[in-house]
Amino acid sequence: MNILITGGTGFVGKTLVKHLSGLNHRLYLVTRGEYKEAGEVSYIPLPAKTELFSPQVISRYRCDSQLSRT
């Protein structure tokens, strides 16, 4: 499953990412900065005012699920 996650580099998000990547999901983490891809995890640097769950962002990364801490 392709999953888009906000807050994935924070305290709780890191544990969630570790758990989901262990289940063989493809993860896309929205970040404020640049990170290096690691295995099944891709980092998406987006400006703060970007509409994260817009149809354009979801379709670009072909995400099946979206997880947000808000």
C-alpha atoms as a PDB file:
ATOM      1  CA  MET A   1       0.000   0.000   0.000  1.00  0.00           C
ATOM      2  CA  ASN A   2       1.208   3.550  -0.720  1.00  0.00           C
ATOM      3  CA  ILE A   3       0.756   5.798   2.319  1.00  0.00           C
ATOM      4  CA  LEU A   4       1.224   9.586   2.566  1.00  0.00           C
ATOM      5  CA  ILE A   5       2.197  10.696   6.088  1.00  0.00           C
ATOM      6  CA  THR A   6       2.540  14.155   7.621  1.00  0.00           C
ATOM      7  CA  GLY A   7       4.500  14.431  10.848  1.00  0.00           C
ATOM      8  CA  GLY A   8       6.491  11.309   9.979  1.00  0.00           C
ATOM      9  CA  THR A   9       9.816  12.785  11.088  1.00  0.00           C
ATOM     10  CA  GLY A  10       8.557  13.764  14.544  1.00  0.00           C
ATOM     11  CA  PHE A  11       8.575  11.897  17.837  1.00  0.00           C
ATOM     12  CA  VAL A  12       5.467   9.743  17.228  1.00  0.00           C
ATOM     13  CA  GLY A  13       5.853   9.673  13.442  1.00  0.00           C
ATOM     14  CA  LYS A  14       9.251   7.964  13.548  1.00  0.00           C
ATOM     15  CA  THR A  15       7.743   4.997  15.415  1.00  0.00           C
ATOM     16  CA  LEU A  16       4.798   4.840  13.018  1.00  0.00           C
ATOM     17  CA  VAL A  17       7.112   4.910   9.997  1.00  0.00           C
ATOM     18  CA  LYS A  18       9.273   2.136  11.438  1.00  0.00           C
ATOM     19  CA  HIS A  19       6.195  -0.016  12.069  1.00  0.00           C
ATOM     20  CA  LEU A  20       4.590   0.540   8.652  1.00  0.00           C
ATOM     21  CA  SER A  21       7.825   0.083   6.718  1.00  0.00           C
ATOM     22  CA  GLY A  22       8.252  -3.261   8.486  1.00  0.00           C
ATOM     23  CA  LEU A  23       4.907  -4.280   6.963  1.00  0.00           C
ATOM     24  CA  ASN A  24       6.222  -3.651   3.431  1.00  0.00           C
ATOM     25  CA  HIS A  25       4.256  -0.470   2.721  1.00  0.00           C
ATOM     26  CA  ARG A  26       5.619   2.281   0.462  1.00  0.00           C
ATOM     27  CA  LEU A  27       5.695   5.448   2.566  1.00  0.00           C
ATOM     28  CA  TYR A  28       5.767   9.075   1.460  1.00  0.00           C
ATOM     29  CA  LEU A  29       6.615  11.494   4.275  1.00  0.00           C
ATOM     30  CA  VAL A  30       5.779  15.153   3.837  1.00  0.00           C
ATOM     31  CA  THR A  31       8.589  17.258   5.311  1.00  0.00           C
ATOM     32  CA  ARG A  32       9.676  20.868   5.616  1.00  0.00           C
ATOM     33  CA  GLY A  33      13.262  20.031   4.636  1.00  0.00           C
ATOM     34  CA  GLU A  34      15.299  17.743   2.444  1.00  0.00           C
ATOM     35  CA  TYR A  35      15.901  14.131   3.513  1.00  0.00           C
ATOM     36  CA  LYS A  36      17.597  11.230   1.752  1.00  0.00           C
ATOM     37  CA  GLU A  37      15.363   8.367   0.584  1.00  0.00           C
ATOM     38  CA  ALA A  38      15.779   5.187   2.586  1.00  0.00           C
ATOM     39  CA  GLY A  39      14.397   1.874   1.345  1.00  0.00           C
ATOM     40  CA  GLU A  40      10.613   2.045   1.102  1.00  0.00           C
ATOM     41  CA  VAL A  41      10.481   5.596   2.488  1.00  0.00           C
ATOM     42  CA  SER A  42      10.412   8.675   0.253  1.00  0.00           C
ATOM     43  CA  TYR A  43      10.500  12.220   1.573  1.00  0.00           C
ATOM     44  CA  ILE A  44       8.431  14.975  -0.051  1.00  0.00           C
ATOM     45  CA  PRO A  45       9.602  18.489   0.789  1.00  0.00           C
ATOM     46  CA  LEU A  46       6.626  20.848   0.468  1.00  0.00           C
ATOM     47  CA  PRO A  47       6.248  24.526   1.341  1.00  0.00           C
ATOM     48  CA  ALA A  48       4.227  25.119   4.520  1.00  0.00           C
ATOM     49  CA  LYS A  49       1.214  26.586   2.710  1.00  0.00           C
ATOM     50  CA  THR A  50       0.806  23.695   0.244  1.00  0.00           C
ATOM     51  CA  GLU A  51      -2.538  21.882   0.380  1.00  0.00           C
ATOM     52  CA  LEU A  52      -1.190  18.479   1.461  1.00  0.00           C
ATOM     53  CA  PHE A  53      -4.187  16.350   0.625  1.00  0.00           C
ATOM     54  CA  SER A  54      -5.081  17.980  -2.658  1.00  0.00           C
ATOM     55  CA  PRO A  55      -5.999  15.603  -5.487  1.00  0.00           C
ATOM     56  CA  GLN A  56      -2.793  16.651  -7.293  1.00  0.00           C
ATOM     57  CA  VAL A  57      -0.522  15.582  -4.415  1.00  0.00           C
ATOM     58  CA  ILE A  58      -2.427  12.336  -3.797  1.00  0.00           C
ATOM     59  CA  SER A  59      -2.481  11.326  -7.468  1.00  0.00           C
ATOM     60  CA  ARG A  60       1.162  12.305  -8.035  1.00  0.00           C
ATOM     61  CA  TYR A  61       2.324   9.775  -5.443  1.00  0.00           C
ATOM     62  CA  ARG A  62      -0.497   7.263  -6.112  1.00  0.00           C
ATOM     63  CA  CYS A  63      -1.337   7.058  -2.411  1.00  0.00           C
ATOM     64  CA  ASP A  64      -3.938   4.640  -1.112  1.00  0.00           C
ATOM     65  CA  SER A  65      -4.057   6.131   2.406  1.00  0.00           C
ATOM     66  CA  GLN A  66      -3.256   9.422   4.108  1.00  0.00           C
ATOM     67  CA  LEU A  67      -2.170   9.733   7.726  1.00  0.00           C
ATOM     68  CA  SER A  68      -1.977  13.059   9.502  1.00  0.00           C
ATOM     69  CA  ARG A  69      -1.448  13.943  13.119  1.00  0.00           C
ATOM     70  CA  THR A  70      -4.041  16.754  12.894  1.00  0.00           C
END
